[in-house]
C-alpha atoms as a PDB file:
ATOM      1  CA  MET A   1      -2.331  36.914 -41.394  1.00  0.00           C
ATOM      2  CA  THR A   2      -3.825  33.496 -40.418  1.00  0.00           C
ATOM      3  CA  GLU A   3      -2.394  30.920 -37.955  1.00  0.00           C
ATOM      4  CA  LYS A   4      -1.770  28.677 -40.805  1.00  0.00           C
ATOM      5  CA  THR A   5      -0.013  31.269 -42.902  1.00  0.00           C
ATOM      6  CA  LYS A   6       2.280  32.097 -39.772  1.00  0.00           C
ATOM      7  CA  LYS A   7       3.217  28.511 -39.343  1.00  0.00           C
ATOM      8  CA  GLU A   8       4.018  27.889 -43.064  1.00  0.00           C
ATOM      9  CA  ILE A   9       6.263  30.946 -43.243  1.00  0.00           C
ATOM     10  CA  ALA A  10       7.966  30.031 -40.041  1.00  0.00           C
ATOM     11  CA  LYS A  11       8.510  26.492 -41.371  1.00  0.00           C
ATOM     12  CA  TYR A  12      10.005  27.514 -44.793  1.00  0.00           C
ATOM     13  CA  ALA A  13      11.948  30.530 -43.356  1.00  0.00           C
ATOM     14  CA  ILE A  14      13.577  28.290 -40.769  1.00  0.00           C
ATOM     15  CA  LEU A  15      14.563  25.636 -43.292  1.00  0.00           C
ATOM     16  CA  TYR A  16      16.227  28.298 -45.389  1.00  0.00           C
ATOM     17  CA  LEU A  17      17.901  30.167 -42.722  1.00  0.00           C
ATOM     18  CA  LYS A  18      19.298  26.992 -41.156  1.00  0.00           C
ATOM     19  CA  ASN A  19      20.647  25.902 -44.549  1.00  0.00           C
ATOM     20  CA  ARG A  20      22.559  29.090 -44.992  1.00  0.00           C
ATOM     21  CA  LEU A  21      23.857  29.396 -41.409  1.00  0.00           C
ATOM     22  CA  MET A  22      25.068  25.777 -41.585  1.00  0.00           C
ATOM     23  CA  ILE A  23      26.815  26.325 -45.013  1.00  0.00           C
ATOM     24  CA  LYS A  24      28.726  29.286 -43.337  1.00  0.00           C
ATOM     25  CA  GLN A  25      29.717  27.170 -40.372  1.00  0.00           C
ATOM     26  CA  ALA A  26      31.023  24.409 -42.828  1.00  0.00           C
ATOM     27  CA  ILE A  27      33.103  26.976 -44.531  1.00  0.00           C
ATOM     28  CA  LEU A  28      34.527  28.239 -41.272  1.00  0.00           C
ATOM     29  CA  THR A  29      35.240  24.955 -39.612  1.00  0.00           C
ATOM     30  CA  LYS A  30      38.834  24.740 -41.159  1.00  0.00           C
ATOM     31  CA  ASN A  31      39.523  28.431 -41.078  1.00  0.00           C
ATOM     32  CA  GLU A  32      42.327  29.342 -38.770  1.00  0.00           C
ATOM     33  CA  ASN A  33      40.870  32.687 -37.993  1.00  0.00           C
ATOM     34  CA  LYS A  34      37.620  31.303 -36.464  1.00  0.00           C
ATOM     35  CA  ILE A  35      36.369  32.532 -33.117  1.00  0.00           C
ATOM     36  CA  SER A  36      33.766  31.019 -30.998  1.00  0.00           C
ATOM     37  CA  PHE A  37      30.312  32.655 -30.559  1.00  0.00           C
ATOM     38  CA  GLU A  38      31.125  32.714 -26.744  1.00  0.00           C
ATOM     39  CA  ASP A  39      34.452  34.568 -27.202  1.00  0.00           C
ATOM     40  CA  PHE A  40      33.105  36.904 -29.729  1.00  0.00           C
ATOM     41  CA  MET A  41      30.179  37.892 -27.446  1.00  0.00           C
ATOM     42  CA  ASN A  42      32.444  38.067 -24.386  1.00  0.00           C
ATOM     43  CA  ILE A  43      34.586  40.772 -25.933  1.00  0.00           C
ATOM     44  CA  TYR A  44      31.674  42.472 -27.828  1.00  0.00           C
ATOM     45  CA  ASN A  45      29.742  42.824 -24.620  1.00  0.00           C
ATOM     46  CA  LYS A  46      32.700  44.221 -22.755  1.00  0.00           C
ATOM     47  CA  PHE A  47      32.867  47.181 -25.304  1.00  0.00           C
ATOM     48  CA  GLN A  48      28.998  47.609 -24.976  1.00  0.00           C
ATOM     49  CA  GLU A  49      29.145  47.752 -21.200  1.00  0.00           C
ATOM     50  CA  GLN A  50      31.887  50.343 -21.293  1.00  0.00           C
ATOM     51  CA  LEU A  51      29.946  52.451 -23.714  1.00  0.00           C
ATOM     52  CA  GLU A  52      26.763  52.099 -21.760  1.00  0.00           C
ATOM     53  CA  ASP A  53      28.563  53.059 -18.478  1.00  0.00           C
ATOM     54  CA  LEU A  54      29.838  56.261 -20.227  1.00  0.00           C
ATOM     55  CA  GLU A  55      26.168  57.148 -21.221  1.00  0.00           C
ATOM     56  CA  LYS A  56      25.184  56.995 -17.649  1.00  0.00           C
ATOM     57  CA  HIS A  57      28.267  58.833 -16.382  1.00  0.00           C
ATOM     58  CA  PRO A  58      29.155  61.365 -18.958  1.00  0.00           C
ATOM     59  CA  GLU A  59      31.664  62.857 -16.650  1.00  0.00           C
ATOM     60  CA  LYS A  60      33.863  59.850 -17.236  1.00  0.00           C
ATOM     61  CA  ASN A  61      33.956  60.547 -21.105  1.00  0.00           C
ATOM     62  CA  VAL A  62      36.895  62.840 -20.950  1.00  0.00           C
ATOM     63  CA  THR A  63      39.063  64.107 -23.776  1.00  0.00           C
ATOM     64  CA  LEU A  64      42.210  61.941 -23.898  1.00  0.00           C
ATOM     65  CA  ASP A  65      45.384  63.798 -23.069  1.00  0.00           C
ATOM     66  CA  ASN A  66      47.355  62.243 -25.890  1.00  0.00           C
ATOM     67  CA  ASP A  67      44.776  63.264 -28.503  1.00  0.00           C
ATOM     68  CA  GLN A  68      42.768  66.432 -27.573  1.00  0.00           C
ATOM     69  CA  GLU A  69      40.095  65.671 -30.296  1.00  0.00           C
ATOM     70  CA  THR A  70      39.279  62.031 -29.107  1.00  0.00           C
ATOM     71  CA  THR A  71      37.050  61.278 -26.136  1.00  0.00           C
ATOM     72  CA  PHE A  72      37.159  58.071 -24.222  1.00  0.00           C
ATOM     73  CA  ALA A  73      33.941  56.862 -25.998  1.00  0.00           C
ATOM     74  CA  GLU A  74      35.255  57.565 -29.392  1.00  0.00           C
ATOM     75  CA  LYS A  75      38.356  55.446 -28.628  1.00  0.00           C
ATOM     76  CA  ILE A  76      36.094  52.521 -27.310  1.00  0.00           C
ATOM     77  CA  ASN A  77      33.955  52.831 -30.431  1.00  0.00           C
ATOM     78  CA  ARG A  78      36.992  52.604 -32.802  1.00  0.00           C
ATOM     79  CA  GLN A  79      38.281  49.615 -30.872  1.00  0.00           C
ATOM     80  CA  LYS A  80      34.891  47.954 -30.955  1.00  0.00           C
ATOM     81  CA  TYR A  81      34.551  48.454 -34.819  1.00  0.00           C
ATOM     82  CA  HIS A  82      38.076  47.317 -35.399  1.00  0.00           C
ATOM     83  CA  PHE A  83      37.377  44.161 -33.438  1.00  0.00           C
ATOM     84  CA  ILE A  84      34.046  43.457 -35.316  1.00  0.00           C
ATOM     85  CA  SER A  85      35.654  44.101 -38.718  1.00  0.00           C
ATOM     86  CA  GLU A  86      38.539  41.652 -37.877  1.00  0.00           C
ATOM     87  CA  THR A  87      36.334  38.847 -36.340  1.00  0.00           C
ATOM     88  CA  ALA A  88      32.708  39.062 -37.379  1.00  0.00           C
ATOM     89  CA  ASP A  89      33.192  37.046 -40.584  1.00  0.00           C
ATOM     90  CA  PHE A  90      34.723  34.215 -38.662  1.00  0.00           C
ATOM     91  CA  VAL A  91      32.361  33.552 -35.785  1.00  0.00           C
ATOM     92  CA  LEU A  92      31.736  29.840 -35.410  1.00  0.00           C
ATOM     93  CA  LEU A  93      28.208  28.932 -34.185  1.00  0.00           C
ATOM     94  CA  LYS A  94      27.485  25.471 -32.867  1.00  0.00           C
ATOM     95  CA  GLU A  95      24.487  23.847 -34.410  1.00  0.00           C
ATOM     96  CA  SER A  96      22.730  23.876 -31.095  1.00  0.00           C
ATOM     97  CA  GLN A  97      23.084  27.669 -30.999  1.00  0.00           C
ATOM     98  CA  ILE A  98      21.726  27.943 -34.515  1.00  0.00           C
ATOM     99  CA  ASP A  99      18.709  25.789 -33.523  1.00  0.00           C
ATOM    100  CA  GLU A 100      18.140  27.910 -30.386  1.00  0.00           C
ATOM    101  CA  VAL A 101      18.186  31.248 -32.270  1.00  0.00           C
ATOM    102  CA  LEU A 102      15.963  29.781 -34.973  1.00  0.00           C
ATOM    103  CA  ASP A 103      13.498  28.472 -32.352  1.00  0.00           C
ATOM    104  CA  PHE A 104      13.141  32.139 -31.186  1.00  0.00           C
ATOM    105  CA  VAL A 105      12.541  33.284 -34.803  1.00  0.00           C
ATOM    106  CA  LYS A 106       9.959  30.456 -35.119  1.00  0.00           C
ATOM    107  CA  GLU A 107       8.219  31.518 -32.030  1.00  0.00           C
ATOM    108  CA  SER A 108       8.084  35.126 -33.054  1.00  0.00           C
ATOM    109  CA  ILE A 109       6.651  34.389 -36.513  1.00  0.00           C
ATOM    110  CA  GLU A 110       4.113  32.006 -35.297  1.00  0.00           C
ATOM    111  CA  SER A 111       2.975  33.989 -32.404  1.00  0.00           C
ATOM    112  CA  TYR A 112       3.157  37.617 -33.947  1.00  0.00           C
ATOM    113  CA  GLY A 113       3.561  37.128 -37.809  1.00  0.00           C
ATOM    114  CA  LEU A 114       5.593  39.720 -39.796  1.00  0.00           C
ATOM    115  CA  ASN A 115       5.386  43.465 -39.633  1.00  0.00           C
ATOM    116  CA  HIS A 116       7.643  44.259 -42.540  1.00  0.00           C
ATOM    117  CA  ARG A 117       6.101  44.943 -45.902  1.00  0.00           C
ATOM    118  CA  GLY A 118       8.173  44.333 -49.061  1.00  0.00           C
ATOM    119  CA  PRO A 119      11.639  42.708 -49.338  1.00  0.00           C
ATOM    120  CA  TYR A 120      13.821  42.350 -46.300  1.00  0.00           C
ATOM    121  CA  TYR A 121      17.514  43.307 -47.208  1.00  0.00           C
ATOM    122  CA  ASN A 122      18.834  39.902 -46.359  1.00  0.00           C
ATOM    123  CA  GLU A 123      18.646  37.002 -43.961  1.00  0.00           C
ATOM    124  CA  THR A 124      20.262  38.984 -41.176  1.00  0.00           C
ATOM    125  CA  PHE A 125      17.645  41.667 -41.165  1.00  0.00           C
ATOM    126  CA  PHE A 126      14.762  39.122 -41.288  1.00  0.00           C
ATOM    127  CA  ILE A 127      16.267  37.535 -38.016  1.00  0.00           C
ATOM    128  CA  ARG A 128      16.774  40.947 -36.403  1.00  0.00           C
ATOM    129  CA  GLU A 129      13.103  41.884 -36.884  1.00  0.00           C
ATOM    130  CA  ALA A 130      11.894  38.501 -35.547  1.00  0.00           C
ATOM    131  CA  LEU A 131      14.051  38.709 -32.503  1.00  0.00           C
ATOM    132  CA  ASP A 132      13.126  42.468 -31.885  1.00  0.00           C
ATOM    133  CA  ARG A 133       9.409  41.623 -32.017  1.00  0.00           C
ATOM    134  CA  LEU A 134       9.891  38.658 -29.645  1.00  0.00           C
ATOM    135  CA  LEU A 135      11.917  40.494 -27.208  1.00  0.00           C
ATOM    136  CA  LYS A 136       9.454  43.478 -27.136  1.00  0.00           C
ATOM    137  CA  GLU A 137       6.501  41.106 -26.439  1.00  0.00           C
ATOM    138  CA  LEU A 138       8.364  39.083 -23.720  1.00  0.00           C
ATOM    139  CA  ILE A 139       9.264  42.229 -21.889  1.00  0.00           C
ATOM    140  CA  GLN A 140       5.734  43.655 -22.068  1.00  0.00           C
ATOM    141  CA  LEU A 141       4.396  40.448 -20.717  1.00  0.00           C
ATOM    142  CA  GLY A 142       6.748  40.769 -17.725  1.00  0.00           C
ATOM    143  CA  ASN A 143       6.657  37.130 -16.744  1.00  0.00           C
ATOM    144  CA  LYS A 144       9.477  36.388 -14.283  1.00  0.00           C
ATOM    145  CA  ASN A 145       9.907  32.913 -15.693  1.00  0.00           C
ATOM    146  CA  ASP A 146      10.920  34.508 -18.919  1.00  0.00           C
ATOM    147  CA  LEU A 147      13.955  36.405 -17.533  1.00  0.00           C
ATOM    148  CA  GLU A 148      16.540  33.768 -18.538  1.00  0.00           C
ATOM    149  CA  LYS A 149      14.855  33.612 -22.057  1.00  0.00           C
ATOM    150  CA  ILE A 150      14.969  37.295 -22.381  1.00  0.00           C
ATOM    151  CA  GLU A 151      18.612  37.304 -21.782  1.00  0.00           C
ATOM    152  CA  LYS A 152      19.240  34.803 -24.419  1.00  0.00           C
ATOM    153  CA  VAL A 153      17.099  36.574 -26.918  1.00  0.00           C
ATOM    154  CA  LYS A 154      18.997  39.905 -26.096  1.00  0.00           C
ATOM    155  CA  GLN A 155      22.267  38.104 -26.653  1.00  0.00           C
ATOM    156  CA  PHE A 156      21.463  36.638 -29.996  1.00  0.00           C
ATOM    157  CA  LYS A 157      19.872  40.180 -31.049  1.00  0.00           C
ATOM    158  CA  SER A 158      23.299  41.730 -30.194  1.00  0.00           C
ATOM    159  CA  PHE A 159      25.022  39.254 -32.261  1.00  0.00           C
ATOM    160  CA  PHE A 160      22.800  39.761 -35.342  1.00  0.00           C
ATOM    161  CA  TYR A 161      23.185  43.494 -34.997  1.00  0.00           C
ATOM    162  CA  ALA A 162      27.004  43.448 -35.001  1.00  0.00           C
ATOM    163  CA  THR A 163      27.195  43.424 -38.856  1.00  0.00           C
ATOM    164  CA  GLU A 164      24.711  43.309 -41.806  1.00  0.00           C
ATOM    165  CA  THR A 165      25.686  39.804 -42.864  1.00  0.00           C
ATOM    166  CA  ILE A 166      26.963  38.254 -39.688  1.00  0.00           C
ATOM    167  CA  GLY A 167      26.512  34.383 -39.504  1.00  0.00           C
ATOM    168  CA  PHE A 168      25.856  34.116 -43.252  1.00  0.00           C
ATOM    169  CA  CYS A 169      28.019  33.882 -46.331  1.00  0.00           C
ATOM    170  CA  GLU A 170      27.677  37.246 -48.199  1.00  0.00           C
ATOM    171  CA  LYS A 171      28.036  35.590 -51.645  1.00  0.00           C
ATOM    172  CA  LEU A 172      24.942  33.642 -50.914  1.00  0.00           C
ATOM    173  CA  GLU A 173      22.824  36.336 -49.648  1.00  0.00           C
ATOM    174  CA  GLY A 174      19.220  36.156 -50.615  1.00  0.00           C
ATOM    175  CA  LYS A 175      16.027  37.991 -49.809  1.00  0.00           C
ATOM    176  CA  LEU A 176      12.936  36.961 -47.740  1.00  0.00           C
ATOM    177  CA  ILE A 177       9.876  38.856 -48.947  1.00  0.00           C
ATOM    178  CA  TYR A 178       6.435  39.480 -47.467  1.00  0.00           C
ATOM    179  CA  GLU A 179       4.265  41.518 -49.987  1.00  0.00           C
ATOM    180  CA  ASP A 180       0.750  41.700 -50.994  1.00  0.00           C
ATOM    181  CA  GLU A 181      -0.034  38.979 -48.473  1.00  0.00           C
ATOM    182  CA  GLU A 182       2.312  36.573 -49.931  1.00  0.00           C
ATOM    183  CA  PHE A 183       5.711  35.364 -48.658  1.00  0.00           C
ATOM    184  CA  PHE A 184       8.582  34.002 -50.699  1.00  0.00           C
ATOM    185  CA  ILE A 185      12.241  33.531 -50.529  1.00  0.00           C
ATOM    186  CA  ARG A 186      14.664  34.314 -53.277  1.00  0.00           C
ATOM    187  CA  THR A 187      18.159  32.866 -53.176  1.00  0.00           C
ATOM    188  CA  HIS A 188      21.420  34.537 -54.278  1.00  0.00           C
ATOM    189  CA  GLU A 189      20.531  33.473 -57.858  1.00  0.00           C
ATOM    190  CA  SER A 190      17.103  34.863 -57.543  1.00  0.00           C
ATOM    191  CA  ASN A 191      15.461  31.413 -57.569  1.00  0.00           C
ATOM    192  CA  LYS A 192      12.284  31.014 -55.444  1.00  0.00           C
ATOM    193  CA  VAL A 193      12.527  28.674 -52.506  1.00  0.00           C
ATOM    194  CA  CYS A 194       8.863  28.932 -51.679  1.00  0.00           C
ATOM    195  CA  LYS A 195       5.789  30.945 -52.278  1.00  0.00           C
ATOM    196  CA  ILE A 196       3.203  30.938 -49.648  1.00  0.00           C
ATOM    197  CA  ASN A 197      -0.069  32.725 -50.548  1.00  0.00           C
ATOM    198  CA  LYS A 198      -2.500  34.408 -48.118  1.00  0.00           C
ATOM    199  CA  GLU A 199      -4.337  31.238 -47.533  1.00  0.00           C
ATOM    200  CA  GLY A 200      -1.177  29.802 -46.072  1.00  0.00           C
ATOM    201  CA  ILE A 201      -0.535  27.396 -48.942  1.00  0.00           C
ATOM    202  CA  ASN A 202       2.967  26.825 -50.381  1.00  0.00           C
ATOM    203  CA  GLU A 203       2.375  27.051 -54.157  1.00  0.00           C
ATOM    204  CA  TRP A 204       5.573  24.981 -54.749  1.00  0.00           C
ATOM    205  CA  ASN A 205       5.034  21.313 -53.989  1.00  0.00           C
ATOM    206  CA  LYS A 206       8.386  20.839 -52.204  1.00  0.00           C
ATOM    207  CA  ASN A 207      11.317  22.592 -50.596  1.00  0.00           C
ATOM    208  CA  LYS A 208      13.132  24.121 -53.538  1.00  0.00           C
ATOM    209  CA  LEU A 209      16.523  24.099 -51.542  1.00  0.00           C
ATOM    210  CA  GLU A 210      16.703  20.480 -52.520  1.00  0.00           C
ATOM    211  CA  ASP A 211      17.160  21.496 -56.203  1.00  0.00           C
ATOM    212  CA  GLU A 212      20.273  23.709 -55.279  1.00  0.00           C
ATOM    213  CA  ASP A 213      23.621  22.431 -56.272  1.00  0.00           C
ATOM    214  CA  LEU A 214      25.896  24.061 -53.810  1.00  0.00           C
ATOM    215  CA  LEU A 215      29.276  22.446 -53.178  1.00  0.00           C
ATOM    216  CA  ILE A 216      31.893  23.571 -50.403  1.00  0.00           C
ATOM    217  CA  ALA A 217      35.655  23.056 -50.796  1.00  0.00           C
ATOM    218  CA  GLU A 218      35.767  20.032 -48.449  1.00  0.00           C
ATOM    219  CA  LYS A 219      33.363  18.082 -50.814  1.00  0.00           C
ATOM    220  CA  MET A 220      35.213  18.889 -53.980  1.00  0.00           C
ATOM    221  CA  TYR A 221      38.235  17.000 -55.718  1.00  0.00           C
ATOM    222  CA  VAL A 222      40.758  18.848 -57.830  1.00  0.00           C
ATOM    223  CA  GLY A 223      43.085  16.655 -59.913  1.00  0.00           C
ATOM    224  CA  LYS A 224      43.121  13.774 -62.463  1.00  0.00           C
ATOM    225  CA  LEU A 225      41.873  10.135 -62.213  1.00  0.00           C
ATOM    226  CA  THR A 226      43.462   7.557 -64.517  1.00  0.00           C
ATOM    227  CA  ASN A 227      42.739   3.834 -65.227  1.00  0.00           C
ATOM    228  CA  SER A 228      45.070   0.836 -65.120  1.00  0.00           C
ATOM    229  CA  ASP A 229      46.657   1.959 -68.462  1.00  0.00           C
ATOM    230  CA  ASN A 230      47.306   5.433 -66.962  1.00  0.00           C
ATOM    231  CA  THR A 231      44.853   6.957 -69.297  1.00  0.00           C
ATOM    232  CA  ILE A 232      43.097  10.101 -67.921  1.00  0.00           C
ATOM    233  CA  CYS A 233      39.429   9.402 -67.228  1.00  0.00           C
ATOM    234  CA  VAL A 234      38.418  12.625 -65.308  1.00  0.00           C
ATOM    235  CA  SER A 235      40.370  15.845 -64.876  1.00  0.00           C
END
């Protein structure tokens, strides 16, 4: 994969991913059940820390007195998955947080390309692989100046591993595909957003996201419009 190809893939992947992440945030803005990224991760990390501690100290993972078939770890896992199922669809990301994670995705693609062959399952899986690759490379480099960056990448990686569609609207789920040295994105309606060939050229002349006609509730009007004679003009 050439440097030009990596940059073009990163460019259009980021455009598409930000579009979809921002749509989900717009939908969540007025939702009463929304939870901030910080609050979600604080609780999620506490569950993870408890489970990791039990792995290091298995003697603590006792069978609970009130349920002889349930260990302490099983109880924590149930609580964790209940928390995720109740809140993961309502995590509100700031645009700055979206930009930050997508900067990591961009860096990963531009530096290391794509490993996967064939279709990614969805947007979440695409982000996961990019963060996995970047994190692996940063750890191998062992640069002390990257310690804070590594922790941020780990945090976003944990977030996108929480569920298979976290951060995105499932009804708008698409596919990002790298196959036969070509990269393209298909939207939820199977429309191609871009098609980048092995020379790194986008065979579409523009970003096809501009052709989409997606409306969210806050931009829609439901009712009737009348003129001065009280005649219905639009309904």
